[in-house]
N, C-alpha and C. Protein backbone atom coordinates (compact mmCIF):
# COMPACT_ATOMS: atom_id res chain seq x y z
N MET A 1 0.85 -1.17 0.00
CA MET A 1 0.00 0.00 0.00
C MET A 1 0.89 1.23 0.00
N ALA A 2 0.56 2.21 -0.81
CA ALA A 2 1.32 3.45 -0.86
C ALA A 2 1.03 4.28 0.37
N TRP A 3 2.03 5.01 0.84
CA TRP A 3 1.87 5.83 2.04
C TRP A 3 2.23 7.27 1.73
N SER A 4 1.51 8.16 2.35
CA SER A 4 1.82 9.58 2.29
C SER A 4 2.44 9.97 3.63
N ALA A 5 3.47 10.76 3.61
CA ALA A 5 4.13 11.16 4.85
C ALA A 5 3.19 11.92 5.78
N LEU A 6 2.19 12.59 5.22
CA LEU A 6 1.30 13.40 6.05
C LEU A 6 0.05 12.67 6.51
N SER A 7 -0.46 11.76 5.72
CA SER A 7 -1.78 11.23 6.05
C SER A 7 -1.88 9.71 6.13
N GLY A 8 -0.78 8.98 6.11
CA GLY A 8 -0.88 7.54 6.18
C GLY A 8 -1.13 6.94 4.81
N PRO A 9 -1.95 5.87 4.74
CA PRO A 9 -2.15 5.21 3.45
C PRO A 9 -2.80 6.13 2.43
N SER A 10 -2.36 6.03 1.19
CA SER A 10 -2.97 6.82 0.12
C SER A 10 -4.39 6.33 -0.12
N PRO A 11 -5.31 7.24 -0.40
CA PRO A 11 -6.70 6.82 -0.65
C PRO A 11 -6.80 6.01 -1.94
N LEU A 12 -7.80 5.12 -1.94
CA LEU A 12 -8.03 4.25 -3.09
C LEU A 12 -9.45 4.42 -3.59
N ARG A 13 -9.66 4.04 -4.84
CA ARG A 13 -11.00 4.02 -5.41
C ARG A 13 -11.20 2.71 -6.13
N LEU A 14 -12.46 2.37 -6.37
CA LEU A 14 -12.83 1.15 -7.08
C LEU A 14 -13.56 1.56 -8.34
N ARG A 15 -13.11 1.03 -9.50
CA ARG A 15 -13.72 1.38 -10.78
C ARG A 15 -14.29 0.14 -11.45
N ASP A 16 -15.54 0.26 -11.90
CA ASP A 16 -16.22 -0.78 -12.66
C ASP A 16 -15.69 -0.70 -14.09
N GLU A 17 -15.00 -1.74 -14.53
CA GLU A 17 -14.37 -1.72 -15.86
C GLU A 17 -15.39 -1.63 -17.00
N GLN A 18 -16.58 -2.21 -16.85
CA GLN A 18 -17.58 -2.17 -17.91
C GLN A 18 -18.36 -0.87 -17.88
N GLY A 19 -18.87 -0.49 -16.72
CA GLY A 19 -19.73 0.68 -16.61
C GLY A 19 -18.99 1.98 -16.39
N GLY A 20 -17.74 1.88 -15.95
CA GLY A 20 -16.95 3.08 -15.71
C GLY A 20 -17.26 3.82 -14.43
N THR A 21 -18.22 3.32 -13.64
CA THR A 21 -18.54 4.01 -12.39
C THR A 21 -17.40 3.85 -11.40
N VAL A 22 -17.24 4.84 -10.53
CA VAL A 22 -16.14 4.88 -9.58
C VAL A 22 -16.67 5.19 -8.20
N VAL A 23 -16.07 4.58 -7.18
CA VAL A 23 -16.43 4.88 -5.79
C VAL A 23 -15.15 4.92 -4.97
N SER A 24 -15.09 5.86 -4.03
CA SER A 24 -13.96 5.92 -3.10
C SER A 24 -14.07 4.78 -2.11
N LEU A 25 -12.96 4.13 -1.85
CA LEU A 25 -12.95 3.02 -0.90
C LEU A 25 -12.74 3.55 0.51
N MET A 26 -13.59 3.09 1.43
CA MET A 26 -13.48 3.47 2.83
C MET A 26 -14.09 2.37 3.67
N ALA A 27 -13.65 2.28 4.91
CA ALA A 27 -14.20 1.29 5.83
C ALA A 27 -15.71 1.47 5.94
N GLY A 28 -16.42 0.37 5.91
CA GLY A 28 -17.87 0.39 6.02
C GLY A 28 -18.61 0.39 4.70
N LEU A 29 -17.91 0.65 3.59
CA LEU A 29 -18.55 0.65 2.27
C LEU A 29 -19.09 -0.74 1.96
N THR A 30 -20.34 -0.81 1.53
CA THR A 30 -20.94 -2.08 1.14
C THR A 30 -21.16 -2.10 -0.36
N ILE A 31 -21.03 -3.29 -0.96
CA ILE A 31 -21.16 -3.47 -2.40
C ILE A 31 -22.17 -4.59 -2.65
N GLY A 32 -23.09 -4.34 -3.56
CA GLY A 32 -24.07 -5.37 -3.88
C GLY A 32 -25.06 -4.91 -4.92
N ARG A 33 -26.11 -5.70 -5.12
CA ARG A 33 -27.12 -5.41 -6.13
C ARG A 33 -28.32 -4.66 -5.56
N ASN A 34 -28.59 -4.80 -4.25
CA ASN A 34 -29.77 -4.22 -3.63
C ASN A 34 -29.48 -2.80 -3.13
N ARG A 35 -30.21 -1.83 -3.67
CA ARG A 35 -30.01 -0.42 -3.29
C ARG A 35 -30.26 -0.16 -1.81
N ARG A 36 -31.06 -0.98 -1.18
CA ARG A 36 -31.35 -0.79 0.26
C ARG A 36 -30.25 -1.35 1.14
N GLN A 37 -29.43 -2.25 0.60
CA GLN A 37 -28.38 -2.89 1.39
C GLN A 37 -26.98 -2.41 1.05
N ALA A 38 -26.79 -1.90 -0.16
CA ALA A 38 -25.44 -1.60 -0.64
C ALA A 38 -25.25 -0.12 -0.92
N ASP A 39 -24.06 0.38 -0.57
CA ASP A 39 -23.69 1.76 -0.90
C ASP A 39 -23.31 1.87 -2.37
N TYR A 40 -22.55 0.90 -2.87
CA TYR A 40 -22.11 0.87 -4.26
C TYR A 40 -22.89 -0.24 -4.94
N VAL A 41 -23.85 0.15 -5.78
CA VAL A 41 -24.78 -0.80 -6.39
C VAL A 41 -24.28 -1.23 -7.76
N LEU A 42 -24.22 -2.56 -7.96
CA LEU A 42 -23.82 -3.13 -9.24
C LEU A 42 -25.04 -3.74 -9.90
N ASN A 43 -25.28 -3.36 -11.15
CA ASN A 43 -26.42 -3.87 -11.90
C ASN A 43 -26.01 -5.18 -12.58
N ASP A 44 -25.95 -6.24 -11.78
CA ASP A 44 -25.47 -7.54 -12.23
C ASP A 44 -26.27 -8.61 -11.49
N ARG A 45 -27.03 -9.40 -12.21
CA ARG A 45 -27.91 -10.40 -11.59
C ARG A 45 -27.14 -11.47 -10.83
N GLN A 46 -25.84 -11.61 -11.08
CA GLN A 46 -25.04 -12.61 -10.37
C GLN A 46 -24.39 -12.05 -9.11
N VAL A 47 -24.60 -10.77 -8.83
CA VAL A 47 -24.11 -10.15 -7.61
C VAL A 47 -25.21 -10.26 -6.56
N SER A 48 -24.86 -10.64 -5.35
CA SER A 48 -25.83 -10.75 -4.27
C SER A 48 -26.30 -9.38 -3.83
N GLY A 49 -27.46 -9.35 -3.16
CA GLY A 49 -28.00 -8.08 -2.66
C GLY A 49 -26.98 -7.33 -1.83
N LEU A 50 -26.34 -8.01 -0.89
CA LEU A 50 -25.21 -7.49 -0.13
C LEU A 50 -24.07 -8.47 -0.37
N HIS A 51 -23.18 -8.12 -1.28
CA HIS A 51 -22.16 -9.05 -1.76
C HIS A 51 -20.87 -8.98 -0.95
N ALA A 52 -20.39 -7.75 -0.69
CA ALA A 52 -19.10 -7.58 -0.01
C ALA A 52 -19.11 -6.29 0.80
N ARG A 53 -18.17 -6.22 1.74
CA ARG A 53 -18.04 -5.06 2.61
C ARG A 53 -16.55 -4.73 2.75
N VAL A 54 -16.23 -3.44 2.82
CA VAL A 54 -14.85 -3.00 3.04
C VAL A 54 -14.67 -2.77 4.54
N GLU A 55 -13.62 -3.37 5.09
CA GLU A 55 -13.29 -3.20 6.51
C GLU A 55 -11.87 -2.66 6.63
N GLN A 56 -11.61 -2.01 7.75
CA GLN A 56 -10.25 -1.55 8.03
C GLN A 56 -9.62 -2.50 9.04
N VAL A 57 -8.46 -3.04 8.68
CA VAL A 57 -7.74 -3.98 9.52
C VAL A 57 -6.30 -3.49 9.63
N ALA A 58 -5.87 -3.15 10.83
CA ALA A 58 -4.49 -2.69 11.07
C ALA A 58 -4.10 -1.56 10.11
N GLY A 59 -5.02 -0.63 9.85
CA GLY A 59 -4.72 0.52 9.01
C GLY A 59 -4.87 0.29 7.53
N ALA A 60 -5.17 -0.94 7.12
CA ALA A 60 -5.33 -1.27 5.70
C ALA A 60 -6.79 -1.57 5.40
N LEU A 61 -7.19 -1.39 4.15
CA LEU A 61 -8.55 -1.71 3.73
C LEU A 61 -8.59 -3.13 3.18
N VAL A 62 -9.60 -3.88 3.63
CA VAL A 62 -9.76 -5.28 3.25
C VAL A 62 -11.18 -5.47 2.74
N LEU A 63 -11.34 -6.15 1.60
CA LEU A 63 -12.66 -6.49 1.08
C LEU A 63 -13.04 -7.85 1.65
N VAL A 64 -14.25 -7.91 2.24
CA VAL A 64 -14.72 -9.15 2.87
C VAL A 64 -16.01 -9.58 2.18
N ASP A 65 -16.00 -10.79 1.61
CA ASP A 65 -17.19 -11.34 0.98
C ASP A 65 -18.23 -11.60 2.08
N GLN A 66 -19.49 -11.26 1.81
CA GLN A 66 -20.56 -11.40 2.80
C GLN A 66 -21.38 -12.66 2.53
N HIS A 67 -20.70 -13.78 2.35
CA HIS A 67 -21.35 -15.07 2.08
C HIS A 67 -22.21 -15.00 0.82
N SER A 68 -21.67 -14.34 -0.21
CA SER A 68 -22.39 -14.17 -1.47
C SER A 68 -22.59 -15.52 -2.15
N ALA A 69 -23.65 -15.63 -2.94
CA ALA A 69 -23.97 -16.88 -3.63
C ALA A 69 -22.91 -17.23 -4.67
N ASN A 70 -22.42 -16.25 -5.43
CA ASN A 70 -21.51 -16.53 -6.54
C ASN A 70 -20.06 -16.18 -6.25
N GLY A 71 -19.77 -15.66 -5.07
CA GLY A 71 -18.39 -15.44 -4.65
C GLY A 71 -17.75 -14.16 -5.14
N THR A 72 -16.59 -13.90 -4.55
CA THR A 72 -15.73 -12.78 -4.90
C THR A 72 -14.42 -13.39 -5.38
N PHE A 73 -13.92 -12.90 -6.51
CA PHE A 73 -12.72 -13.51 -7.12
C PHE A 73 -11.62 -12.48 -7.33
N VAL A 74 -10.38 -12.92 -7.11
CA VAL A 74 -9.18 -12.20 -7.50
C VAL A 74 -8.54 -13.11 -8.54
N GLY A 75 -8.55 -12.67 -9.79
CA GLY A 75 -8.15 -13.58 -10.87
C GLY A 75 -9.16 -14.71 -10.92
N GLU A 76 -8.69 -15.94 -10.93
CA GLU A 76 -9.58 -17.11 -10.94
C GLU A 76 -9.79 -17.68 -9.54
N GLN A 77 -9.17 -17.07 -8.54
CA GLN A 77 -9.22 -17.57 -7.17
C GLN A 77 -10.38 -16.97 -6.39
N ARG A 78 -11.27 -17.82 -5.89
CA ARG A 78 -12.37 -17.33 -5.04
C ARG A 78 -11.77 -17.00 -3.67
N VAL A 79 -12.13 -15.82 -3.14
CA VAL A 79 -11.57 -15.38 -1.86
C VAL A 79 -12.69 -14.98 -0.91
N GLU A 80 -12.42 -15.16 0.37
CA GLU A 80 -13.34 -14.70 1.41
C GLU A 80 -13.01 -13.26 1.80
N ARG A 81 -11.71 -12.93 1.71
CA ARG A 81 -11.24 -11.57 2.02
C ARG A 81 -9.94 -11.32 1.28
N CYS A 82 -9.69 -10.04 0.99
CA CYS A 82 -8.43 -9.71 0.32
C CYS A 82 -8.05 -8.27 0.65
N LEU A 83 -6.75 -8.05 0.74
CA LEU A 83 -6.20 -6.73 0.97
C LEU A 83 -6.38 -5.90 -0.30
N LEU A 84 -6.94 -4.70 -0.17
CA LEU A 84 -7.16 -3.83 -1.32
C LEU A 84 -5.91 -3.00 -1.56
N ARG A 85 -5.36 -3.10 -2.77
CA ARG A 85 -4.15 -2.37 -3.13
C ARG A 85 -4.25 -1.97 -4.59
N PRO A 86 -3.57 -0.90 -4.98
CA PRO A 86 -3.64 -0.43 -6.37
C PRO A 86 -3.28 -1.55 -7.36
N GLY A 87 -4.09 -1.63 -8.43
CA GLY A 87 -3.85 -2.61 -9.47
C GLY A 87 -4.60 -3.92 -9.28
N LEU A 88 -5.15 -4.15 -8.08
CA LEU A 88 -5.88 -5.39 -7.81
C LEU A 88 -7.13 -5.45 -8.68
N ARG A 89 -7.35 -6.60 -9.32
CA ARG A 89 -8.54 -6.80 -10.15
C ARG A 89 -9.44 -7.81 -9.45
N LEU A 90 -10.71 -7.39 -9.29
CA LEU A 90 -11.71 -8.21 -8.61
C LEU A 90 -12.83 -8.55 -9.57
N ARG A 91 -13.52 -9.67 -9.29
CA ARG A 91 -14.74 -9.98 -10.03
C ARG A 91 -15.82 -10.36 -9.04
N LEU A 92 -16.93 -9.64 -9.11
CA LEU A 92 -18.13 -9.93 -8.33
C LEU A 92 -19.21 -10.23 -9.36
N GLY A 93 -19.74 -11.45 -9.38
CA GLY A 93 -20.65 -11.85 -10.45
C GLY A 93 -19.91 -11.76 -11.77
N GLN A 94 -20.49 -11.03 -12.72
CA GLN A 94 -19.84 -10.82 -14.02
C GLN A 94 -19.14 -9.45 -14.08
N THR A 95 -19.16 -8.73 -12.98
CA THR A 95 -18.62 -7.36 -12.95
C THR A 95 -17.14 -7.38 -12.59
N GLU A 96 -16.33 -6.80 -13.47
CA GLU A 96 -14.89 -6.67 -13.24
C GLU A 96 -14.62 -5.31 -12.61
N LEU A 97 -13.89 -5.31 -11.49
CA LEU A 97 -13.57 -4.08 -10.78
C LEU A 97 -12.06 -3.98 -10.63
N VAL A 98 -11.54 -2.76 -10.65
CA VAL A 98 -10.11 -2.55 -10.45
C VAL A 98 -9.91 -1.51 -9.36
N VAL A 99 -8.94 -1.77 -8.48
CA VAL A 99 -8.58 -0.83 -7.42
C VAL A 99 -7.54 0.13 -7.97
N GLU A 100 -7.78 1.43 -7.79
CA GLU A 100 -6.87 2.45 -8.30
C GLU A 100 -6.50 3.44 -7.19
N PRO A 101 -5.31 4.01 -7.27
CA PRO A 101 -4.95 5.06 -6.31
C PRO A 101 -5.67 6.36 -6.66
N VAL A 102 -5.94 7.14 -5.66
CA VAL A 102 -6.46 8.49 -5.87
C VAL A 102 -5.28 9.42 -5.65
N VAL A 103 -4.95 10.22 -6.66
CA VAL A 103 -3.82 11.13 -6.58
C VAL A 103 -4.35 12.55 -6.49
N PHE A 104 -3.92 13.26 -5.49
CA PHE A 104 -4.37 14.63 -5.29
C PHE A 104 -3.41 15.58 -5.99
N VAL A 105 -3.99 16.52 -6.75
CA VAL A 105 -3.23 17.54 -7.46
C VAL A 105 -3.84 18.87 -7.06
N GLY A 106 -3.16 19.61 -6.21
CA GLY A 106 -3.74 20.85 -5.70
C GLY A 106 -4.99 20.53 -4.92
N ARG A 107 -6.10 21.15 -5.28
CA ARG A 107 -7.37 20.91 -4.60
C ARG A 107 -8.20 19.83 -5.27
N GLU A 108 -7.77 19.38 -6.44
CA GLU A 108 -8.51 18.36 -7.18
C GLU A 108 -7.79 17.02 -7.06
N HIS A 109 -8.50 15.96 -7.34
CA HIS A 109 -7.86 14.66 -7.34
C HIS A 109 -8.34 13.85 -8.54
N THR A 110 -7.48 12.92 -8.94
CA THR A 110 -7.79 12.05 -10.08
C THR A 110 -7.39 10.64 -9.70
N GLY A 111 -7.69 9.70 -10.53
CA GLY A 111 -7.25 8.33 -10.32
C GLY A 111 -5.97 8.04 -11.07
N GLN A 112 -5.41 9.05 -11.72
CA GLN A 112 -4.21 8.85 -12.53
C GLN A 112 -2.97 9.13 -11.70
N GLN A 113 -1.88 8.55 -12.10
CA GLN A 113 -0.60 8.80 -11.42
C GLN A 113 -0.15 10.22 -11.71
N ALA A 114 0.43 10.87 -10.73
CA ALA A 114 0.96 12.22 -10.92
C ALA A 114 2.16 12.18 -11.84
N LEU A 115 2.34 13.21 -12.64
CA LEU A 115 3.49 13.31 -13.52
C LEU A 115 4.69 13.77 -12.71
N PRO A 116 5.89 13.25 -13.03
CA PRO A 116 7.07 13.69 -12.30
C PRO A 116 7.34 15.17 -12.53
N GLN A 117 7.82 15.84 -11.50
CA GLN A 117 8.18 17.26 -11.60
C GLN A 117 9.53 17.37 -12.29
N SER A 118 9.68 18.37 -13.19
CA SER A 118 10.98 18.53 -13.88
C SER A 118 11.76 19.65 -13.27
């Protein structure tokens, strides 16, 4: 996990590769198909109503599967929990998600890497 000297771990976001939607990752964030149960809603019939939850463990963010019917995958490996880090690719149902760093530039932020200063 990347660290900032001032604020600890660098913030992360989760991007839906098909739909392009983005959400900031934080402890307590829920992911699923049901709008009443999930903060980040995926329009995918193979995603459970409440599929996964983000928890903070020892200062790091961890995705925890909530006993979903179709599972949470990193690559081809079904996982119950996984450490969220930049570049990690997840699959919930048929939805492909990627973890990206959030880079702050002045008062704005993007998901892109900052350009080196010359």
